[in-house]
Structures are given as C-alpha cells and as structure tokens.
C-alpha cells in the first residue's frame, strides 16, 4: 500500500526580543509537522523538512513564548528558490512564493513539483518581526522529497 501523502507545515519560532541581523541564526528554530527532528539553535541552514510529491509546504512564524514580549508577531513574507544550481535539487515548483495574510497572520504556501527529486533543495525564507519591513531577516533551510534518503 502506498504511503499517504500530506502537506508539510513548517514553523519558525523566533526570539523576537533578542533577534538581530548578527544573531538571527541563534534566534530562530525550525520545526515541522513531519517526523523531522527539531532544529538545533544556530543551524537553520542544516534544517531539512520532508515534503511529498505534488503536495504543499507552508511556512508560518511564531514568537518564542519563553523569550518574546507579549503581542510580538512574526510574519513570513517570502520564500525564494536559490538561483541556478546553488539551491541543489529542484523541488519547489515556483521561484518566488509571496506571503498571504489571513486573520493577521502572514504565511507562505508553496507547491511541490509533481516529480521525484533526490537530494535537498536550499531556499531562502524572508521574515519580519512586528511587521518591521525595513528590517527583514533571511534564513536558508532545506527541503527534501519523502522517500529519497
């Protein structure tokens, strides 16, 4: 029996109180709704989320409840493929994936290609804290297709 394919939901938990451009990698932790292990602080470029062929992946942000001020928000505003072969495997369907805002929460949803790809694809997640569009943060995690280990 074939494995059921599901959409992937990635959460960026951000230390909104202490984040800066110089410490952003230590201020963001990635998790997802798959069995992928929680990222270790400081290593977002090594975080890999698993995706299924032809499904979607959604990124959302959340303030770290242990180190953020009440009322702080995190907005994921874009997800971009790395140009050319610098991203590795070709998994995301679109090069540019803009955020959408619903009920005050800004997230990005992207489509996964309908063909199997081996390896990982690195990409850029661009997010803001408290809607400060003058100071966006860029992090570069990875995705891989399910069953391609």
N, C-alpha and C. Protein backbone atom coordinates (compact mmCIF):
# COMPACT_ATOMS: atom_id res chain seq x y z
N UNK A 1 0.84 -1.19 0.00
CA UNK A 1 0.00 0.00 0.00
C UNK A 1 0.88 1.25 0.00
N UNK A 2 0.51 2.21 -0.83
CA UNK A 2 1.27 3.45 -0.91
C UNK A 2 1.09 4.29 0.34
N UNK A 3 2.16 4.99 0.70
CA UNK A 3 2.12 5.89 1.84
C UNK A 3 1.24 7.10 1.49
N UNK A 4 0.45 7.53 2.45
CA UNK A 4 -0.41 8.71 2.26
C UNK A 4 0.47 9.95 2.20
N UNK A 5 0.24 10.75 1.17
CA UNK A 5 0.99 12.00 1.02
C UNK A 5 0.27 13.11 1.76
N UNK A 6 1.06 13.95 2.44
CA UNK A 6 0.48 15.05 3.21
C UNK A 6 1.21 16.36 2.91
N UNK A 7 0.53 17.46 3.22
CA UNK A 7 1.17 18.77 3.15
C UNK A 7 2.12 18.91 4.35
N UNK A 8 3.15 19.71 4.18
CA UNK A 8 4.12 19.96 5.24
C UNK A 8 3.91 21.36 5.79
N UNK A 9 3.92 21.48 7.12
CA UNK A 9 3.78 22.78 7.79
C UNK A 9 5.04 23.04 8.60
N UNK A 10 5.75 24.11 8.25
CA UNK A 10 7.00 24.47 8.92
C UNK A 10 6.73 25.70 9.79
N UNK A 11 7.22 25.66 11.02
CA UNK A 11 7.08 26.81 11.93
C UNK A 11 8.45 27.36 12.27
N UNK A 12 8.61 28.67 12.12
CA UNK A 12 9.80 29.39 12.57
C UNK A 12 9.46 29.98 13.93
N UNK A 13 10.08 29.49 14.97
CA UNK A 13 9.87 30.06 16.30
C UNK A 13 11.02 31.02 16.56
N UNK A 14 10.68 32.29 16.80
CA UNK A 14 11.68 33.36 16.81
C UNK A 14 11.74 34.03 18.19
N UNK A 15 12.96 34.22 18.67
CA UNK A 15 13.21 35.02 19.87
C UNK A 15 13.09 36.48 19.45
N UNK A 16 11.87 36.99 19.46
CA UNK A 16 11.61 38.34 18.93
C UNK A 16 12.22 39.43 19.79
N UNK A 17 12.45 39.15 21.05
CA UNK A 17 13.02 40.15 21.96
C UNK A 17 14.50 40.41 21.67
N UNK A 18 15.23 39.37 21.29
CA UNK A 18 16.69 39.49 21.17
C UNK A 18 17.24 39.35 19.75
N UNK A 19 16.40 39.09 18.75
CA UNK A 19 16.91 38.86 17.40
C UNK A 19 17.54 40.13 16.83
N UNK A 20 18.64 39.91 16.10
CA UNK A 20 19.29 40.97 15.33
C UNK A 20 19.84 40.30 14.07
N UNK A 21 20.29 41.12 13.13
CA UNK A 21 20.87 40.53 11.91
C UNK A 21 22.09 39.68 12.23
N UNK A 22 22.85 40.08 13.24
CA UNK A 22 24.09 39.35 13.55
C UNK A 22 23.85 38.05 14.32
N UNK A 23 22.68 37.91 14.97
CA UNK A 23 22.45 36.68 15.73
C UNK A 23 21.20 35.92 15.26
N UNK A 24 20.70 36.24 14.06
CA UNK A 24 19.44 35.65 13.59
C UNK A 24 19.47 34.12 13.59
N UNK A 25 20.60 33.51 13.25
CA UNK A 25 20.67 32.04 13.24
C UNK A 25 20.50 31.45 14.63
N UNK A 26 20.88 32.20 15.66
CA UNK A 26 20.72 31.72 17.03
C UNK A 26 19.35 32.09 17.60
N UNK A 27 18.57 32.88 16.87
CA UNK A 27 17.29 33.36 17.36
C UNK A 27 16.09 32.69 16.70
N UNK A 28 16.34 31.78 15.76
CA UNK A 28 15.26 31.12 15.03
C UNK A 28 15.43 29.61 15.16
N UNK A 29 14.33 28.92 15.45
CA UNK A 29 14.34 27.45 15.49
C UNK A 29 13.23 26.96 14.57
N UNK A 30 13.57 26.03 13.66
CA UNK A 30 12.60 25.45 12.74
C UNK A 30 12.06 24.14 13.30
N UNK A 31 10.76 23.93 13.13
CA UNK A 31 10.11 22.65 13.40
C UNK A 31 9.09 22.42 12.29
N UNK A 32 8.62 21.19 12.15
CA UNK A 32 7.55 20.93 11.19
C UNK A 32 6.64 19.83 11.70
N UNK A 33 5.59 19.57 10.93
CA UNK A 33 4.59 18.59 11.32
C UNK A 33 4.94 17.17 10.89
N UNK A 34 6.15 16.98 10.41
CA UNK A 34 6.61 15.65 9.99
C UNK A 34 7.49 15.10 11.11
N UNK A 35 8.12 14.00 10.87
CA UNK A 35 8.98 13.40 11.90
C UNK A 35 10.38 13.99 11.90
N UNK A 36 10.56 15.07 11.17
CA UNK A 36 11.87 15.71 11.11
C UNK A 36 12.25 16.24 12.50
N UNK A 37 13.48 16.01 12.93
CA UNK A 37 13.87 16.48 14.27
C UNK A 37 13.90 18.00 14.34
N UNK A 38 13.61 18.52 15.53
CA UNK A 38 13.67 19.96 15.78
C UNK A 38 15.09 20.46 15.51
N UNK A 39 15.18 21.61 14.89
CA UNK A 39 16.49 22.19 14.58
C UNK A 39 17.22 22.57 15.85
N UNK A 40 18.54 22.40 15.82
CA UNK A 40 19.37 22.90 16.91
C UNK A 40 19.60 24.39 16.66
N UNK A 41 19.52 25.21 17.72
CA UNK A 41 19.74 26.65 17.57
C UNK A 41 21.09 26.91 16.90
N UNK A 42 21.08 27.84 15.97
CA UNK A 42 22.31 28.22 15.29
C UNK A 42 22.55 27.52 13.98
N UNK A 43 21.70 26.55 13.62
CA UNK A 43 21.94 25.76 12.41
C UNK A 43 20.76 25.75 11.44
N UNK A 44 20.10 26.87 11.14
CA UNK A 44 18.95 26.79 10.23
C UNK A 44 19.32 26.28 8.84
N UNK A 45 20.55 26.51 8.40
CA UNK A 45 20.95 26.03 7.07
C UNK A 45 21.01 24.52 7.02
N UNK A 46 21.10 23.87 8.17
CA UNK A 46 21.15 22.41 8.21
C UNK A 46 19.78 21.77 8.47
N UNK A 47 18.75 22.60 8.68
CA UNK A 47 17.42 22.04 8.96
C UNK A 47 16.77 21.58 7.66
N UNK A 48 16.31 20.34 7.63
CA UNK A 48 15.70 19.76 6.44
C UNK A 48 14.27 19.33 6.75
N UNK A 49 13.31 19.89 6.02
CA UNK A 49 11.92 19.46 6.12
C UNK A 49 11.61 18.49 4.99
N UNK A 50 10.85 17.47 5.30
CA UNK A 50 10.44 16.48 4.30
C UNK A 50 9.14 16.94 3.65
N UNK A 51 9.06 16.78 2.33
CA UNK A 51 7.86 17.13 1.57
C UNK A 51 7.45 15.95 0.70
N UNK A 52 6.19 15.94 0.29
CA UNK A 52 5.68 14.90 -0.61
C UNK A 52 5.43 15.47 -1.98
N UNK A 53 5.69 14.66 -2.98
CA UNK A 53 5.47 15.00 -4.38
C UNK A 53 4.06 15.56 -4.58
N UNK A 54 3.95 16.68 -5.30
CA UNK A 54 2.67 17.25 -5.66
C UNK A 54 1.87 17.86 -4.52
N UNK A 55 2.42 17.92 -3.33
CA UNK A 55 1.69 18.49 -2.19
C UNK A 55 2.17 19.93 -1.95
N UNK A 56 1.80 20.53 -0.83
CA UNK A 56 2.17 21.90 -0.49
C UNK A 56 3.04 21.93 0.75
N UNK A 57 3.77 23.02 0.89
CA UNK A 57 4.51 23.30 2.11
C UNK A 57 4.15 24.72 2.53
N UNK A 58 3.87 24.90 3.82
CA UNK A 58 3.50 26.21 4.35
C UNK A 58 4.45 26.58 5.47
N UNK A 59 4.92 27.82 5.44
CA UNK A 59 5.80 28.36 6.49
C UNK A 59 5.02 29.40 7.28
N UNK A 60 5.10 29.32 8.59
CA UNK A 60 4.50 30.33 9.45
C UNK A 60 5.48 30.66 10.56
N UNK A 61 5.30 31.81 11.15
CA UNK A 61 6.19 32.25 12.22
C UNK A 61 5.44 32.37 13.53
N UNK A 62 6.18 32.20 14.62
CA UNK A 62 5.61 32.34 15.96
C UNK A 62 6.67 32.91 16.89
N UNK A 63 6.27 33.82 17.78
CA UNK A 63 7.23 34.31 18.77
C UNK A 63 7.52 33.20 19.78
N UNK A 64 8.77 33.12 20.21
CA UNK A 64 9.15 32.14 21.23
C UNK A 64 8.48 32.53 22.54
N UNK A 65 7.64 31.66 23.09
CA UNK A 65 6.92 32.05 24.31
C UNK A 65 7.82 32.22 25.52
N UNK A 66 9.04 31.69 25.46
CA UNK A 66 9.97 31.81 26.58
C UNK A 66 10.83 33.06 26.54
N UNK A 67 10.89 33.75 25.38
CA UNK A 67 11.81 34.87 25.29
C UNK A 67 11.29 36.03 24.42
N UNK A 68 10.00 36.09 24.22
CA UNK A 68 9.44 37.19 23.43
C UNK A 68 8.50 38.02 24.29
N UNK A 69 8.30 39.26 23.85
CA UNK A 69 7.39 40.15 24.57
C UNK A 69 5.95 39.82 24.17
N UNK A 70 5.01 39.96 25.09
CA UNK A 70 3.60 39.75 24.74
C UNK A 70 3.20 40.65 23.57
N UNK A 71 2.45 40.12 22.64
CA UNK A 71 1.99 40.89 21.50
C UNK A 71 2.93 40.88 20.31
N UNK A 72 4.17 40.35 20.47
CA UNK A 72 5.09 40.27 19.33
C UNK A 72 4.54 39.31 18.28
N UNK A 73 4.91 39.58 17.01
CA UNK A 73 4.46 38.75 15.90
C UNK A 73 5.62 38.46 14.96
N UNK A 74 5.49 37.38 14.20
CA UNK A 74 6.47 37.00 13.18
C UNK A 74 5.71 36.79 11.88
N UNK A 75 6.15 37.47 10.82
CA UNK A 75 5.50 37.37 9.53
C UNK A 75 6.46 36.74 8.53
N UNK A 76 6.09 35.60 7.95
CA UNK A 76 6.87 35.02 6.86
C UNK A 76 6.35 35.68 5.59
N UNK A 77 7.20 36.47 4.91
CA UNK A 77 6.71 37.29 3.81
C UNK A 77 7.07 36.76 2.42
N UNK A 78 8.17 35.99 2.30
CA UNK A 78 8.56 35.40 1.01
C UNK A 78 9.31 34.10 1.26
N UNK A 79 9.21 33.20 0.29
CA UNK A 79 10.12 32.06 0.18
C UNK A 79 10.62 32.08 -1.25
N UNK A 80 11.94 32.05 -1.40
CA UNK A 80 12.56 32.13 -2.72
C UNK A 80 13.47 30.95 -2.97
N UNK A 81 13.41 30.42 -4.20
CA UNK A 81 14.38 29.40 -4.60
C UNK A 81 15.75 30.07 -4.73
N UNK A 82 16.80 29.36 -4.37
CA UNK A 82 18.14 29.89 -4.64
C UNK A 82 18.37 29.82 -6.14
N UNK A 83 19.09 30.78 -6.71
CA UNK A 83 19.23 30.83 -8.16
C UNK A 83 20.11 29.70 -8.72
N UNK A 84 19.75 29.28 -9.94
CA UNK A 84 20.53 28.28 -10.65
C UNK A 84 20.69 27.00 -9.87
N UNK A 85 21.89 26.46 -9.91
CA UNK A 85 22.15 25.19 -9.21
C UNK A 85 22.58 25.40 -7.76
N UNK A 86 22.63 26.67 -7.28
CA UNK A 86 23.09 26.92 -5.92
C UNK A 86 22.15 26.36 -4.87
N UNK A 87 20.89 26.09 -5.26
CA UNK A 87 19.94 25.54 -4.31
C UNK A 87 19.97 24.02 -4.21
N UNK A 88 20.64 23.37 -5.15
CA UNK A 88 20.67 21.91 -5.12
C UNK A 88 19.53 21.32 -5.94
N UNK A 89 18.82 20.35 -5.37
CA UNK A 89 17.71 19.70 -6.06
C UNK A 89 16.63 20.72 -6.42
N UNK A 90 15.80 20.40 -7.41
CA UNK A 90 14.76 21.29 -7.91
C UNK A 90 13.40 20.79 -7.42
N UNK A 91 12.99 21.19 -6.22
CA UNK A 91 11.80 20.64 -5.57
C UNK A 91 10.64 21.64 -5.54
N UNK A 92 10.90 22.89 -5.19
CA UNK A 92 9.83 23.90 -5.17
C UNK A 92 9.39 24.20 -6.60
N UNK A 93 8.07 24.29 -6.80
CA UNK A 93 7.53 24.50 -8.15
C UNK A 93 7.79 25.91 -8.65
N UNK A 94 7.63 26.91 -7.79
CA UNK A 94 7.79 28.31 -8.18
C UNK A 94 9.08 28.89 -7.62
N UNK A 95 9.67 29.84 -8.36
CA UNK A 95 10.88 30.51 -7.88
C UNK A 95 10.59 31.50 -6.76
N UNK A 96 9.42 32.13 -6.82
CA UNK A 96 9.05 33.21 -5.90
C UNK A 96 7.71 32.88 -5.29
N UNK A 97 7.64 32.82 -3.97
CA UNK A 97 6.41 32.49 -3.27
C UNK A 97 6.12 33.58 -2.25
N UNK A 98 5.14 34.47 -2.53
CA UNK A 98 4.84 35.58 -1.61
C UNK A 98 3.94 35.13 -0.47
N UNK A 99 4.00 35.89 0.60
CA UNK A 99 3.16 35.62 1.76
C UNK A 99 1.74 36.12 1.56
N UNK A 100 0.83 35.52 2.31
CA UNK A 100 -0.55 35.99 2.36
C UNK A 100 -0.92 36.19 3.83
N UNK A 101 -1.78 37.15 4.07
CA UNK A 101 -2.19 37.44 5.45
C UNK A 101 -3.66 37.10 5.62
N UNK A 102 -3.93 36.27 6.62
CA UNK A 102 -5.30 35.91 6.98
C UNK A 102 -5.40 36.04 8.49
N UNK A 103 -6.41 36.72 8.95
CA UNK A 103 -6.65 36.91 10.38
C UNK A 103 -5.41 37.44 11.09
N UNK A 104 -4.66 38.34 10.40
CA UNK A 104 -3.49 38.95 11.00
C UNK A 104 -2.24 38.09 11.00
N UNK A 105 -2.29 36.89 10.41
CA UNK A 105 -1.13 36.00 10.38
C UNK A 105 -0.63 35.89 8.95
N UNK A 106 0.66 36.21 8.73
CA UNK A 106 1.24 36.15 7.40
C UNK A 106 2.04 34.85 7.27
N UNK A 107 1.68 34.07 6.25
CA UNK A 107 2.35 32.79 5.97
C UNK A 107 2.65 32.71 4.48
N UNK A 108 3.46 31.72 4.12
CA UNK A 108 3.74 31.44 2.71
C UNK A 108 3.42 29.97 2.46
N UNK A 109 2.69 29.73 1.37
CA UNK A 109 2.43 28.36 0.93
C UNK A 109 3.02 28.21 -0.46
N UNK A 110 3.74 27.11 -0.67
CA UNK A 110 4.35 26.83 -1.97
C UNK A 110 3.98 25.42 -2.41
N UNK A 111 3.97 25.22 -3.72
CA UNK A 111 3.68 23.91 -4.30
C UNK A 111 4.98 23.13 -4.48
N UNK A 112 4.88 21.83 -4.29
CA UNK A 112 5.99 20.92 -4.53
C UNK A 112 5.80 20.32 -5.92
N UNK A 113 6.88 20.19 -6.67
CA UNK A 113 6.79 19.65 -8.03
C UNK A 113 6.19 18.25 -8.02
N UNK A 114 5.65 17.85 -9.15
CA UNK A 114 5.00 16.56 -9.29
C UNK A 114 5.91 15.46 -9.76
N UNK A 115 7.22 15.65 -9.63
CA UNK A 115 8.17 14.58 -9.99
C UNK A 115 9.16 14.42 -8.86
N UNK A 116 9.64 13.19 -8.71
CA UNK A 116 10.55 12.89 -7.62
C UNK A 116 11.93 13.48 -7.87
N UNK A 117 12.52 14.04 -6.85
CA UNK A 117 13.87 14.61 -6.90
C UNK A 117 14.68 14.04 -5.75
N UNK A 118 15.89 13.63 -6.03
CA UNK A 118 16.77 13.19 -4.95
C UNK A 118 17.61 14.37 -4.47
N UNK A 119 18.11 14.28 -3.27
CA UNK A 119 18.91 15.35 -2.70
C UNK A 119 18.05 16.38 -2.01
N UNK A 120 18.69 17.45 -1.57
CA UNK A 120 17.98 18.52 -0.87
C UNK A 120 18.02 19.80 -1.69
N UNK A 121 17.02 20.65 -1.45
CA UNK A 121 17.00 21.97 -2.06
C UNK A 121 17.10 22.99 -0.93
N UNK A 122 18.10 23.87 -1.01
CA UNK A 122 18.21 25.00 -0.09
C UNK A 122 17.41 26.15 -0.69
N UNK A 123 16.80 26.93 0.18
CA UNK A 123 15.97 28.05 -0.27
C UNK A 123 16.06 29.16 0.78
N UNK A 124 15.51 30.31 0.46
CA UNK A 124 15.52 31.44 1.39
C UNK A 124 14.12 31.64 1.98
N UNK A 125 14.05 31.82 3.28
CA UNK A 125 12.84 32.26 3.97
C UNK A 125 13.10 33.69 4.43
N UNK A 126 12.23 34.60 4.03
CA UNK A 126 12.37 36.00 4.44
C UNK A 126 11.21 36.31 5.37
N UNK A 127 11.54 36.81 6.56
CA UNK A 127 10.50 37.10 7.54
C UNK A 127 10.80 38.41 8.26
N UNK A 128 9.75 38.96 8.87
CA UNK A 128 9.89 40.17 9.66
C UNK A 128 9.36 39.91 11.07
N UNK A 129 9.74 40.77 11.99
CA UNK A 129 9.25 40.73 13.35
C UNK A 129 8.45 42.01 13.58
N UNK A 130 7.25 41.86 14.09
CA UNK A 130 6.37 43.01 14.38
C UNK A 130 6.15 43.90 13.16
N UNK A 131 6.02 43.27 11.98
CA UNK A 131 5.74 43.98 10.72
C UNK A 131 6.77 45.04 10.38
N UNK A 132 8.01 44.87 10.83
CA UNK A 132 9.08 45.82 10.53
C UNK A 132 9.69 45.47 9.17
N UNK A 133 9.04 45.93 8.10
CA UNK A 133 9.50 45.59 6.74
C UNK A 133 10.82 46.25 6.37
N UNK A 134 11.29 47.21 7.18
CA UNK A 134 12.58 47.84 6.91
C UNK A 134 13.74 46.97 7.38
N UNK A 135 13.44 45.89 8.12
CA UNK A 135 14.50 45.06 8.67
C UNK A 135 14.15 43.57 8.53
N UNK A 136 14.02 43.09 7.26
CA UNK A 136 13.69 41.68 7.09
C UNK A 136 14.90 40.78 7.39
N UNK A 137 14.60 39.57 7.82
CA UNK A 137 15.63 38.56 8.11
C UNK A 137 15.56 37.48 7.05
N UNK A 138 16.73 36.96 6.66
CA UNK A 138 16.81 35.91 5.64
C UNK A 138 17.52 34.70 6.25
N UNK A 139 16.85 33.56 6.17
CA UNK A 139 17.38 32.29 6.69
C UNK A 139 17.33 31.30 5.53
N UNK A 140 18.25 30.33 5.50
CA UNK A 140 18.27 29.40 4.37
C UNK A 140 18.27 27.92 4.78
N UNK A 141 17.08 27.37 5.11
CA UNK A 141 16.98 25.95 5.41
C UNK A 141 16.88 25.11 4.14
N UNK A 142 16.47 23.85 4.26
CA UNK A 142 16.40 22.94 3.13
C UNK A 142 15.11 22.11 3.16
N UNK A 143 14.76 21.55 2.00
CA UNK A 143 13.69 20.56 1.91
C UNK A 143 14.20 19.35 1.14
N UNK A 144 13.54 18.21 1.34
CA UNK A 144 13.85 17.00 0.58
C UNK A 144 12.55 16.25 0.35
N UNK A 145 12.51 15.46 -0.72
CA UNK A 145 11.35 14.66 -1.05
C UNK A 145 11.30 13.45 -0.12
N UNK A 146 10.10 13.10 0.29
CA UNK A 146 9.88 11.91 1.11
C UNK A 146 10.34 10.67 0.35
N UNK A 147 10.99 9.77 1.06
CA UNK A 147 11.40 8.51 0.48
C UNK A 147 12.64 8.58 -0.40
N UNK A 148 13.39 9.69 -0.35
CA UNK A 148 14.58 9.82 -1.20
C UNK A 148 15.88 9.81 -0.39
N UNK A 149 15.83 9.25 0.81
CA UNK A 149 17.06 9.21 1.64
C UNK A 149 18.12 8.35 1.02
